[in-house]
All heavy atoms as atom14 arrays in JSON, in Angstrom:
{
  "sequence": "HDLCRLSDLPDGRPVARRLGYIQLFVLRQGEGVTVLADRCPHLAGPLH",
  "atom14_mask": [
    [1, 1, 1, 1, 1, 1, 1, 1, 1, 1, 0, 0, 0, 0],
    [1, 1, 1, 1, 1, 1, 1, 1, 0, 0, 0, 0, 0, 0],
    [1, 1, 1, 1, 1, 1, 1, 1, 0, 0, 0, 0, 0, 0],
    [1, 1, 1, 1, 1, 1, 0, 0, 0, 0, 0, 0, 0, 0],
    [1, 1, 1, 1, 1, 1, 1, 1, 1, 1, 1, 0, 0, 0],
    [1, 1, 1, 1, 1, 1, 1, 1, 0, 0, 0, 0, 0, 0],
    [1, 1, 1, 1, 1, 1, 0, 0, 0, 0, 0, 0, 0, 0],
    [1, 1, 1, 1, 1, 1, 1, 1, 0, 0, 0, 0, 0, 0],
    [1, 1, 1, 1, 1, 1, 1, 1, 0, 0, 0, 0, 0, 0],
    [1, 1, 1, 1, 1, 1, 1, 0, 0, 0, 0, 0, 0, 0],
    [1, 1, 1, 1, 1, 1, 1, 1, 0, 0, 0, 0, 0, 0],
    [1, 1, 1, 1, 0, 0, 0, 0, 0, 0, 0, 0, 0, 0],
    [1, 1, 1, 1, 1, 1, 1, 1, 1, 1, 1, 0, 0, 0],
    [1, 1, 1, 1, 1, 1, 1, 0, 0, 0, 0, 0, 0, 0],
    [1, 1, 1, 1, 1, 1, 1, 0, 0, 0, 0, 0, 0, 0],
    [1, 1, 1, 1, 1, 0, 0, 0, 0, 0, 0, 0, 0, 0],
    [1, 1, 1, 1, 1, 1, 1, 1, 1, 1, 1, 0, 0, 0],
    [1, 1, 1, 1, 1, 1, 1, 1, 1, 1, 1, 0, 0, 0],
    [1, 1, 1, 1, 1, 1, 1, 1, 0, 0, 0, 0, 0, 0],
    [1, 1, 1, 1, 0, 0, 0, 0, 0, 0, 0, 0, 0, 0],
    [1, 1, 1, 1, 1, 1, 1, 1, 1, 1, 1, 1, 0, 0],
    [1, 1, 1, 1, 1, 1, 1, 1, 0, 0, 0, 0, 0, 0],
    [1, 1, 1, 1, 1, 1, 1, 1, 1, 0, 0, 0, 0, 0],
    [1, 1, 1, 1, 1, 1, 1, 1, 0, 0, 0, 0, 0, 0],
    [1, 1, 1, 1, 1, 1, 1, 1, 1, 1, 1, 0, 0, 0],
    [1, 1, 1, 1, 1, 1, 1, 0, 0, 0, 0, 0, 0, 0],
    [1, 1, 1, 1, 1, 1, 1, 1, 0, 0, 0, 0, 0, 0],
    [1, 1, 1, 1, 1, 1, 1, 1, 1, 1, 1, 0, 0, 0],
    [1, 1, 1, 1, 1, 1, 1, 1, 1, 0, 0, 0, 0, 0],
    [1, 1, 1, 1, 0, 0, 0, 0, 0, 0, 0, 0, 0, 0],
    [1, 1, 1, 1, 1, 1, 1, 1, 1, 0, 0, 0, 0, 0],
    [1, 1, 1, 1, 0, 0, 0, 0, 0, 0, 0, 0, 0, 0],
    [1, 1, 1, 1, 1, 1, 1, 0, 0, 0, 0, 0, 0, 0],
    [1, 1, 1, 1, 1, 1, 1, 0, 0, 0, 0, 0, 0, 0],
    [1, 1, 1, 1, 1, 1, 1, 0, 0, 0, 0, 0, 0, 0],
    [1, 1, 1, 1, 1, 1, 1, 1, 0, 0, 0, 0, 0, 0],
    [1, 1, 1, 1, 1, 0, 0, 0, 0, 0, 0, 0, 0, 0],
    [1, 1, 1, 1, 1, 1, 1, 1, 0, 0, 0, 0, 0, 0],
    [1, 1, 1, 1, 1, 1, 1, 1, 1, 1, 1, 0, 0, 0],
    [1, 1, 1, 1, 1, 1, 0, 0, 0, 0, 0, 0, 0, 0],
    [1, 1, 1, 1, 1, 1, 1, 0, 0, 0, 0, 0, 0, 0],
    [1, 1, 1, 1, 1, 1, 1, 1, 1, 1, 0, 0, 0, 0],
    [1, 1, 1, 1, 1, 1, 1, 1, 0, 0, 0, 0, 0, 0],
    [1, 1, 1, 1, 1, 0, 0, 0, 0, 0, 0, 0, 0, 0],
    [1, 1, 1, 1, 0, 0, 0, 0, 0, 0, 0, 0, 0, 0],
    [1, 1, 1, 1, 1, 1, 1, 0, 0, 0, 0, 0, 0, 0],
    [1, 1, 1, 1, 1, 1, 1, 1, 0, 0, 0, 0, 0, 0],
    [1, 1, 1, 1, 1, 1, 1, 1, 1, 1, 0, 0, 0, 0]
  ],
  "atom14_positions": [
    [[-19.64, -33.11, 178.2], [-20.41, -31.87, 178.05], [-20.87, -31.73, 176.6], [-20.08, -31.95, 175.67], [-19.57, -30.65, 178.42], [-18.98, -30.72, 179.8], [-19.67, -30.29, 180.92], [-17.78, -31.18, 180.25], [-18.92, -30.47, 181.98], [-17.77, -31.02, 181.61], [0.0, 0.0, 0.0], [0.0, 0.0, 0.0], [0.0, 0.0, 0.0], [0.0, 0.0, 0.0]],
    [[-22.13, -31.38, 176.41], [-22.63, -31.13, 175.07], [-21.96, -29.88, 174.49], [-21.88, -28.84, 175.15], [-24.14, -30.9, 175.08], [-24.92, -32.16, 175.48], [-24.29, -33.25, 175.51], [-26.12, -32.06, 175.76], [0.0, 0.0, 0.0], [0.0, 0.0, 0.0], [0.0, 0.0, 0.0], [0.0, 0.0, 0.0], [0.0, 0.0, 0.0], [0.0, 0.0, 0.0]],
    [[-21.49, -29.98, 173.25], [-20.82, -28.84, 172.62], [-21.67, -28.27, 171.47], [-21.99, -27.09, 171.46], [-19.44, -29.24, 172.1], [-18.59, -28.1, 171.54], [-18.29, -27.07, 172.63], [-17.28, -28.65, 170.95], [0.0, 0.0, 0.0], [0.0, 0.0, 0.0], [0.0, 0.0, 0.0], [0.0, 0.0, 0.0], [0.0, 0.0, 0.0], [0.0, 0.0, 0.0]],
    [[-22.03, -29.1, 170.51], [-22.84, -28.67, 169.37], [-23.26, -29.91, 168.6], [-22.85, -31.03, 168.92], [-22.05, -27.7, 168.47], [-20.58, -28.45, 167.72], [0.0, 0.0, 0.0], [0.0, 0.0, 0.0], [0.0, 0.0, 0.0], [0.0, 0.0, 0.0], [0.0, 0.0, 0.0], [0.0, 0.0, 0.0], [0.0, 0.0, 0.0], [0.0, 0.0, 0.0]],
    [[-24.05, -29.72, 167.58], [-24.41, -30.84, 166.71], [-23.3, -31.07, 165.71], [-22.72, -30.12, 165.17], [-25.73, -30.58, 166.0], [-26.93, -30.51, 166.93], [-28.23, -30.47, 166.14], [-28.43, -31.67, 165.34], [-28.91, -32.83, 165.82], [-29.22, -32.94, 167.11], [-29.06, -33.87, 165.01], [0.0, 0.0, 0.0], [0.0, 0.0, 0.0], [0.0, 0.0, 0.0]],
    [[-22.99, -32.34, 165.45], [-21.94, -32.68, 164.5], [-22.23, -32.1, 163.13], [-21.34, -31.61, 162.43], [-21.78, -34.2, 164.42], [-20.66, -34.72, 163.5], [-19.3, -34.3, 164.04], [-20.74, -36.24, 163.35], [0.0, 0.0, 0.0], [0.0, 0.0, 0.0], [0.0, 0.0, 0.0], [0.0, 0.0, 0.0], [0.0, 0.0, 0.0], [0.0, 0.0, 0.0]],
    [[-23.49, -32.1, 162.73], [-23.88, -31.61, 161.4], [-23.69, -30.11, 161.26], [-23.66, -29.59, 160.13], [-25.33, -31.97, 161.11], [-26.19, -31.42, 162.09], [0.0, 0.0, 0.0], [0.0, 0.0, 0.0], [0.0, 0.0, 0.0], [0.0, 0.0, 0.0], [0.0, 0.0, 0.0], [0.0, 0.0, 0.0], [0.0, 0.0, 0.0], [0.0, 0.0, 0.0]],
    [[-23.53, -29.38, 162.38], [-23.32, -27.93, 162.31], [-21.87, -27.56, 162.05], [-21.57, -26.38, 161.83], [-23.78, -27.27, 163.61], [-25.3, -27.34, 163.8], [-26.0, -27.5, 162.79], [-25.75, -27.26, 164.96], [0.0, 0.0, 0.0], [0.0, 0.0, 0.0], [0.0, 0.0, 0.0], [0.0, 0.0, 0.0], [0.0, 0.0, 0.0], [0.0, 0.0, 0.0]],
    [[-20.98, -28.55, 162.09], [-19.56, -28.27, 161.9], [-19.17, -28.44, 160.44], [-19.54, -29.43, 159.81], [-18.72, -29.21, 162.76], [-18.89, -29.09, 164.28], [-18.13, -30.21, 164.97], [-18.42, -27.73, 164.77], [0.0, 0.0, 0.0], [0.0, 0.0, 0.0], [0.0, 0.0, 0.0], [0.0, 0.0, 0.0], [0.0, 0.0, 0.0], [0.0, 0.0, 0.0]],
    [[-18.41, -27.5, 159.86], [-17.92, -27.68, 158.49], [-16.91, -28.82, 158.44], [-16.2, -29.07, 159.42], [-17.28, -26.34, 158.16], [-16.9, -25.77, 159.49], [-17.94, -26.24, 160.46], [0.0, 0.0, 0.0], [0.0, 0.0, 0.0], [0.0, 0.0, 0.0], [0.0, 0.0, 0.0], [0.0, 0.0, 0.0], [0.0, 0.0, 0.0], [0.0, 0.0, 0.0]],
    [[-16.84, -29.5, 157.34], [-15.93, -30.64, 157.2], [-14.58, -30.15, 156.69], [-14.49, -29.52, 155.64], [-16.51, -31.67, 156.22], [-15.83, -33.02, 156.35], [-14.79, -33.11, 157.03], [-16.34, -34.0, 155.77], [0.0, 0.0, 0.0], [0.0, 0.0, 0.0], [0.0, 0.0, 0.0], [0.0, 0.0, 0.0], [0.0, 0.0, 0.0], [0.0, 0.0, 0.0]],
    [[-13.52, -30.43, 157.46], [-12.17, -30.11, 157.02], [-11.71, -28.7, 157.31], [-10.6, -28.32, 156.89], [0.0, 0.0, 0.0], [0.0, 0.0, 0.0], [0.0, 0.0, 0.0], [0.0, 0.0, 0.0], [0.0, 0.0, 0.0], [0.0, 0.0, 0.0], [0.0, 0.0, 0.0], [0.0, 0.0, 0.0], [0.0, 0.0, 0.0], [0.0, 0.0, 0.0]],
    [[-12.49, -27.9, 158.01], [-12.1, -26.52, 158.33], [-12.28, -26.28, 159.81], [-13.38, -26.45, 160.34], [-12.93, -25.53, 157.51], [-12.61, -24.06, 157.83], [-13.34, -23.14, 156.86], [-14.78, -23.26, 156.96], [-15.54, -22.6, 157.83], [-14.95, -21.8, 158.73], [-16.85, -22.75, 157.84], [0.0, 0.0, 0.0], [0.0, 0.0, 0.0], [0.0, 0.0, 0.0]],
    [[-11.23, -25.86, 160.52], [-11.35, -25.63, 161.97], [-12.21, -24.41, 162.28], [-12.19, -23.41, 161.56], [-9.91, -25.41, 162.43], [-9.18, -24.99, 161.2], [-9.85, -25.65, 160.05], [0.0, 0.0, 0.0], [0.0, 0.0, 0.0], [0.0, 0.0, 0.0], [0.0, 0.0, 0.0], [0.0, 0.0, 0.0], [0.0, 0.0, 0.0], [0.0, 0.0, 0.0]],
    [[-12.97, -24.52, 163.36], [-13.81, -23.41, 163.82], [-13.65, -23.29, 165.33], [-13.08, -24.16, 165.99], [-15.29, -23.63, 163.47], [-15.51, -23.61, 161.96], [-15.79, -24.95, 164.07], [0.0, 0.0, 0.0], [0.0, 0.0, 0.0], [0.0, 0.0, 0.0], [0.0, 0.0, 0.0], [0.0, 0.0, 0.0], [0.0, 0.0, 0.0], [0.0, 0.0, 0.0]],
    [[-14.14, -22.2, 165.87], [-14.12, -21.98, 167.32], [-15.5, -22.2, 167.91], [-16.5, -21.8, 167.32], [-13.64, -20.55, 167.64], [0.0, 0.0, 0.0], [0.0, 0.0, 0.0], [0.0, 0.0, 0.0], [0.0, 0.0, 0.0], [0.0, 0.0, 0.0], [0.0, 0.0, 0.0], [0.0, 0.0, 0.0], [0.0, 0.0, 0.0], [0.0, 0.0, 0.0]],
    [[-15.53, -22.86, 169.06], [-16.78, -23.08, 169.78], [-16.53, -22.82, 171.27], [-15.43, -23.04, 171.77], [-17.32, -24.51, 169.58], [-17.78, -24.8, 168.15], [-19.06, -24.05, 167.84], [-19.6, -24.38, 166.52], [-19.33, -23.71, 165.41], [-18.49, -22.65, 165.47], [-19.85, -24.06, 164.27], [0.0, 0.0, 0.0], [0.0, 0.0, 0.0], [0.0, 0.0, 0.0]],
    [[-17.55, -22.36, 171.96], [-17.42, -22.05, 173.39], [-17.89, -23.22, 174.24], [-18.88, -23.87, 173.94], [-18.26, -20.82, 173.75], [-17.87, -19.54, 173.06], [-16.58, -18.97, 173.55], [-16.51, -18.75, 174.98], [-15.45, -18.18, 175.57], [-14.42, -17.8, 174.86], [-15.45, -17.99, 176.88], [0.0, 0.0, 0.0], [0.0, 0.0, 0.0], [0.0, 0.0, 0.0]],
    [[-17.14, -23.47, 175.31], [-17.55, -24.43, 176.34], [-17.36, -23.73, 177.67], [-16.24, -23.68, 178.21], [-16.73, -25.71, 176.27], [-17.07, -26.77, 177.33], [-18.5, -27.26, 177.18], [-16.08, -27.94, 177.26], [0.0, 0.0, 0.0], [0.0, 0.0, 0.0], [0.0, 0.0, 0.0], [0.0, 0.0, 0.0], [0.0, 0.0, 0.0], [0.0, 0.0, 0.0]],
    [[-18.4, -23.17, 178.2], [-18.28, -22.4, 179.43], [-17.36, -21.21, 179.25], [-17.57, -20.36, 178.4], [0.0, 0.0, 0.0], [0.0, 0.0, 0.0], [0.0, 0.0, 0.0], [0.0, 0.0, 0.0], [0.0, 0.0, 0.0], [0.0, 0.0, 0.0], [0.0, 0.0, 0.0], [0.0, 0.0, 0.0], [0.0, 0.0, 0.0], [0.0, 0.0, 0.0]],
    [[-16.28, -21.17, 180.04], [-15.34, -20.05, 179.98], [-14.3, -20.21, 178.86], [-13.53, -19.3, 178.6], [-14.57, -19.94, 181.31], [-15.44, -19.64, 182.49], [-15.72, -20.62, 183.44], [-16.0, -18.37, 182.67], [-16.52, -20.35, 184.54], [-16.8, -18.09, 183.77], [-17.05, -19.09, 184.7], [-17.84, -18.81, 185.78], [0.0, 0.0, 0.0], [0.0, 0.0, 0.0]],
    [[-14.27, -21.36, 178.23], [-13.16, -21.69, 177.33], [-13.62, -21.67, 175.87], [-14.7, -22.15, 175.53], [-12.61, -23.09, 177.66], [-12.05, -23.11, 179.07], [-11.52, -23.49, 176.68], [-11.55, -24.46, 179.48], [0.0, 0.0, 0.0], [0.0, 0.0, 0.0], [0.0, 0.0, 0.0], [0.0, 0.0, 0.0], [0.0, 0.0, 0.0], [0.0, 0.0, 0.0]],
    [[-12.74, -21.12, 175.02], [-12.95, -21.23, 173.58], [-12.16, -22.42, 173.08], [-10.99, -22.6, 173.43], [-12.51, -19.96, 172.86], [-12.74, -20.02, 171.34], [-12.77, -18.65, 170.71], [-13.69, -17.87, 170.95], [-11.77, -18.36, 169.89], [0.0, 0.0, 0.0], [0.0, 0.0, 0.0], [0.0, 0.0, 0.0], [0.0, 0.0, 0.0], [0.0, 0.0, 0.0]],
    [[-12.8, -23.23, 172.23], [-12.19, -24.47, 171.76], [-11.9, -24.41, 170.26], [-12.63, -23.77, 169.49], [-13.1, -25.66, 172.04], [-13.44, -25.93, 173.5], [-14.4, -27.11, 173.59], [-12.18, -26.2, 174.31], [0.0, 0.0, 0.0], [0.0, 0.0, 0.0], [0.0, 0.0, 0.0], [0.0, 0.0, 0.0], [0.0, 0.0, 0.0], [0.0, 0.0, 0.0]],
    [[-10.83, -25.07, 169.86], [-10.52, -25.35, 168.46], [-11.21, -26.66, 168.11], [-10.98, -27.69, 168.75], [-9.0, -25.48, 168.31], [-8.53, -26.14, 167.04], [-8.1, -25.37, 165.97], [-8.48, -27.52, 166.92], [-7.64, -25.97, 164.8], [-8.03, -28.14, 165.77], [-7.6, -27.35, 164.7], [0.0, 0.0, 0.0], [0.0, 0.0, 0.0], [0.0, 0.0, 0.0]],
    [[-12.09, -26.63, 167.11], [-12.86, -27.82, 166.75], [-12.66, -28.09, 165.26], [-12.92, -27.22, 164.41], [-14.35, -27.64, 167.05], [-15.12, -28.94, 166.73], [-14.57, -27.24, 168.5], [0.0, 0.0, 0.0], [0.0, 0.0, 0.0], [0.0, 0.0, 0.0], [0.0, 0.0, 0.0], [0.0, 0.0, 0.0], [0.0, 0.0, 0.0], [0.0, 0.0, 0.0]],
    [[-12.21, -29.29, 164.93], [-11.98, -29.69, 163.54], [-12.7, -30.99, 163.27], [-12.38, -32.03, 163.86], [-10.48, -29.84, 163.26], [-10.12, -30.41, 161.89], [-10.58, -29.46, 160.77], [-8.62, -30.68, 161.78], [0.0, 0.0, 0.0], [0.0, 0.0, 0.0], [0.0, 0.0, 0.0], [0.0, 0.0, 0.0], [0.0, 0.0, 0.0], [0.0, 0.0, 0.0]],
    [[-13.68, -30.93, 162.38], [-14.37, -32.14, 161.95], [-13.75, -32.65, 160.66], [-13.51, -31.88, 159.72], [-15.85, -31.84, 161.71], [-16.61, -33.04, 161.13], [-17.99, -32.63, 160.68], [-18.66, -33.73, 159.99], [-19.8, -33.61, 159.31], [-20.4, -32.42, 159.25], [-20.34, -34.64, 158.71], [0.0, 0.0, 0.0], [0.0, 0.0, 0.0], [0.0, 0.0, 0.0]],
    [[-13.47, -33.94, 160.63], [-12.98, -34.6, 159.43], [-13.8, -35.88, 159.24], [-13.53, -36.9, 159.86], [-11.48, -34.9, 159.54], [-10.64, -33.64, 159.58], [-9.16, -33.91, 159.82], [-8.79, -34.58, 160.79], [-8.31, -33.4, 158.94], [0.0, 0.0, 0.0], [0.0, 0.0, 0.0], [0.0, 0.0, 0.0], [0.0, 0.0, 0.0], [0.0, 0.0, 0.0]],
    [[-14.83, -35.76, 158.4], [-15.77, -36.87, 158.26], [-16.56, -37.05, 159.54], [-17.17, -36.12, 160.05], [0.0, 0.0, 0.0], [0.0, 0.0, 0.0], [0.0, 0.0, 0.0], [0.0, 0.0, 0.0], [0.0, 0.0, 0.0], [0.0, 0.0, 0.0], [0.0, 0.0, 0.0], [0.0, 0.0, 0.0], [0.0, 0.0, 0.0], [0.0, 0.0, 0.0]],
    [[-16.5, -38.23, 160.11], [-17.2, -38.51, 161.36], [-16.31, -38.31, 162.58], [-16.76, -38.42, 163.71], [-17.72, -39.96, 161.35], [-18.76, -40.23, 160.27], [-19.98, -39.34, 160.43], [-20.49, -39.22, 161.56], [-20.42, -38.73, 159.42], [0.0, 0.0, 0.0], [0.0, 0.0, 0.0], [0.0, 0.0, 0.0], [0.0, 0.0, 0.0], [0.0, 0.0, 0.0]],
    [[-15.03, -38.02, 162.34], [-14.1, -37.8, 163.44], [-13.96, -36.32, 163.76], [-14.05, -35.46, 162.89], [0.0, 0.0, 0.0], [0.0, 0.0, 0.0], [0.0, 0.0, 0.0], [0.0, 0.0, 0.0], [0.0, 0.0, 0.0], [0.0, 0.0, 0.0], [0.0, 0.0, 0.0], [0.0, 0.0, 0.0], [0.0, 0.0, 0.0], [0.0, 0.0, 0.0]],
    [[-13.73, -36.01, 165.03], [-13.61, -34.62, 165.47], [-12.4, -34.48, 166.39], [-12.22, -35.28, 167.32], [-14.87, -34.13, 166.2], [-14.73, -32.65, 166.58], [-16.12, -34.34, 165.35], [0.0, 0.0, 0.0], [0.0, 0.0, 0.0], [0.0, 0.0, 0.0], [0.0, 0.0, 0.0], [0.0, 0.0, 0.0], [0.0, 0.0, 0.0], [0.0, 0.0, 0.0]],
    [[-11.59, -33.45, 166.14], [-10.47, -33.1, 167.0], [-10.82, -31.83, 167.75], [-11.26, -30.84, 167.15], [-9.19, -32.86, 166.17], [-8.82, -34.08, 165.52], [-8.05, -32.39, 167.07], [0.0, 0.0, 0.0], [0.0, 0.0, 0.0], [0.0, 0.0, 0.0], [0.0, 0.0, 0.0], [0.0, 0.0, 0.0], [0.0, 0.0, 0.0], [0.0, 0.0, 0.0]],
    [[-10.62, -31.83, 169.06], [-10.92, -30.65, 169.88], [-9.71, -30.34, 170.76], [-9.24, -31.2, 171.51], [-12.17, -30.86, 170.75], [-12.41, -29.64, 171.63], [-13.39, -31.14, 169.88], [0.0, 0.0, 0.0], [0.0, 0.0, 0.0], [0.0, 0.0, 0.0], [0.0, 0.0, 0.0], [0.0, 0.0, 0.0], [0.0, 0.0, 0.0], [0.0, 0.0, 0.0]],
    [[-9.21, -29.09, 170.64], [-8.12, -28.6, 171.46], [-8.55, -27.27, 172.09], [-9.49, -26.63, 171.62], [-6.86, -28.35, 170.62], [-6.3, -29.49, 169.77], [-5.15, -28.97, 168.91], [-5.82, -30.63, 170.66], [0.0, 0.0, 0.0], [0.0, 0.0, 0.0], [0.0, 0.0, 0.0], [0.0, 0.0, 0.0], [0.0, 0.0, 0.0], [0.0, 0.0, 0.0]],
    [[-7.86, -26.86, 173.14], [-8.05, -25.49, 173.62], [-7.6, -24.55, 172.51], [-6.57, -24.78, 171.87], [-7.23, -25.26, 174.88], [0.0, 0.0, 0.0], [0.0, 0.0, 0.0], [0.0, 0.0, 0.0], [0.0, 0.0, 0.0], [0.0, 0.0, 0.0], [0.0, 0.0, 0.0], [0.0, 0.0, 0.0], [0.0, 0.0, 0.0], [0.0, 0.0, 0.0]],
    [[-8.37, -23.5, 172.25], [-8.12, -22.67, 171.09], [-6.96, -21.7, 171.3], [-6.35, -21.25, 170.33], [-9.39, -21.89, 170.72], [-9.28, -21.2, 169.36], [-8.88, -21.88, 168.39], [-9.58, -20.0, 169.27], [0.0, 0.0, 0.0], [0.0, 0.0, 0.0], [0.0, 0.0, 0.0], [0.0, 0.0, 0.0], [0.0, 0.0, 0.0], [0.0, 0.0, 0.0]],
    [[-6.67, -21.33, 172.53], [-5.61, -20.35, 172.8], [-4.24, -21.02, 172.73], [-3.97, -21.97, 173.47], [-5.81, -19.7, 174.17], [-7.02, -18.81, 174.25], [-7.27, -18.33, 175.67], [-6.15, -17.61, 176.22], [-6.07, -17.19, 177.48], [-7.06, -17.45, 178.32], [-5.01, -16.52, 177.9], [0.0, 0.0, 0.0], [0.0, 0.0, 0.0], [0.0, 0.0, 0.0]],
    [[-3.38, -20.51, 171.86], [-2.03, -21.05, 171.74], [-1.28, -20.86, 173.06], [-1.32, -19.76, 173.64], [-1.29, -20.34, 170.61], [0.46, -20.83, 170.47], [0.0, 0.0, 0.0], [0.0, 0.0, 0.0], [0.0, 0.0, 0.0], [0.0, 0.0, 0.0], [0.0, 0.0, 0.0], [0.0, 0.0, 0.0], [0.0, 0.0, 0.0], [0.0, 0.0, 0.0]],
    [[-0.6, -21.87, 173.57], [0.13, -21.73, 174.83], [1.22, -20.67, 174.79], [1.63, -20.18, 175.85], [0.73, -23.12, 175.04], [-0.17, -24.04, 174.29], [-0.6, -23.26, 173.08], [0.0, 0.0, 0.0], [0.0, 0.0, 0.0], [0.0, 0.0, 0.0], [0.0, 0.0, 0.0], [0.0, 0.0, 0.0], [0.0, 0.0, 0.0], [0.0, 0.0, 0.0]],
    [[1.7, -20.29, 173.61], [2.79, -19.32, 173.53], [2.33, -17.93, 173.94], [2.79, -17.39, 174.94], [3.38, -19.29, 172.12], [4.44, -18.27, 171.92], [4.42, -17.38, 170.87], [5.54, -17.97, 172.65], [5.48, -16.58, 170.96], [6.18, -16.92, 172.03], [0.0, 0.0, 0.0], [0.0, 0.0, 0.0], [0.0, 0.0, 0.0], [0.0, 0.0, 0.0]],
    [[1.4, -17.34, 173.19], [0.89, -16.0, 173.52], [-0.6, -15.88, 173.24], [-1.09, -14.8, 172.89], [1.67, -14.92, 172.77], [3.09, -14.63, 173.28], [3.79, -13.6, 172.4], [3.08, -14.15, 174.73], [0.0, 0.0, 0.0], [0.0, 0.0, 0.0], [0.0, 0.0, 0.0], [0.0, 0.0, 0.0], [0.0, 0.0, 0.0], [0.0, 0.0, 0.0]],
    [[-1.31, -17.0, 173.35], [-2.78, -17.03, 173.28], [-3.32, -16.73, 171.89], [-4.44, -16.24, 171.75], [-3.4, -16.08, 174.3], [0.0, 0.0, 0.0], [0.0, 0.0, 0.0], [0.0, 0.0, 0.0], [0.0, 0.0, 0.0], [0.0, 0.0, 0.0], [0.0, 0.0, 0.0], [0.0, 0.0, 0.0], [0.0, 0.0, 0.0], [0.0, 0.0, 0.0]],
    [[-2.57, -17.03, 170.84], [-3.09, -16.86, 169.48], [-4.25, -17.8, 169.2], [-4.33, -18.89, 169.79], [0.0, 0.0, 0.0], [0.0, 0.0, 0.0], [0.0, 0.0, 0.0], [0.0, 0.0, 0.0], [0.0, 0.0, 0.0], [0.0, 0.0, 0.0], [0.0, 0.0, 0.0], [0.0, 0.0, 0.0], [0.0, 0.0, 0.0], [0.0, 0.0, 0.0]],
    [[-5.19, -17.43, 168.3], [-6.36, -18.27, 168.0], [-6.01, -19.42, 167.05], [-5.82, -19.21, 165.85], [-7.33, -17.28, 167.35], [-6.44, -16.26, 166.7], [-5.21, -16.15, 167.57], [0.0, 0.0, 0.0], [0.0, 0.0, 0.0], [0.0, 0.0, 0.0], [0.0, 0.0, 0.0], [0.0, 0.0, 0.0], [0.0, 0.0, 0.0], [0.0, 0.0, 0.0]],
    [[-5.92, -20.62, 167.56], [-5.51, -21.76, 166.73], [-6.5, -22.05, 165.61], [-6.11, -22.54, 164.56], [-5.34, -23.01, 167.61], [-4.16, -23.0, 168.59], [-4.07, -24.33, 169.32], [-2.85, -22.7, 167.87], [0.0, 0.0, 0.0], [0.0, 0.0, 0.0], [0.0, 0.0, 0.0], [0.0, 0.0, 0.0], [0.0, 0.0, 0.0], [0.0, 0.0, 0.0]],
    [[-7.79, -21.73, 165.82], [-8.76, -22.06, 164.77], [-8.54, -21.22, 163.51], [-9.08, -21.56, 162.45], [-10.2, -21.88, 165.29], [-10.65, -20.45, 165.39], [-10.34, -19.65, 166.46], [-11.37, -19.67, 164.53], [-10.86, -18.44, 166.28], [-11.49, -18.43, 165.13], [0.0, 0.0, 0.0], [0.0, 0.0, 0.0], [0.0, 0.0, 0.0], [0.0, 0.0, 0.0]]
  ]
}
């Protein structure tokens, strides 16, 4: 699924992005990107 342009993501700082019903934790580090569900499994805290 298309999420966003890589160039729109800050380098080294996590941000939140939407994918349909879900908010995602997105972390760009250079050309690599880590994506997790943003809601913490404990009590739904915002991981970003």
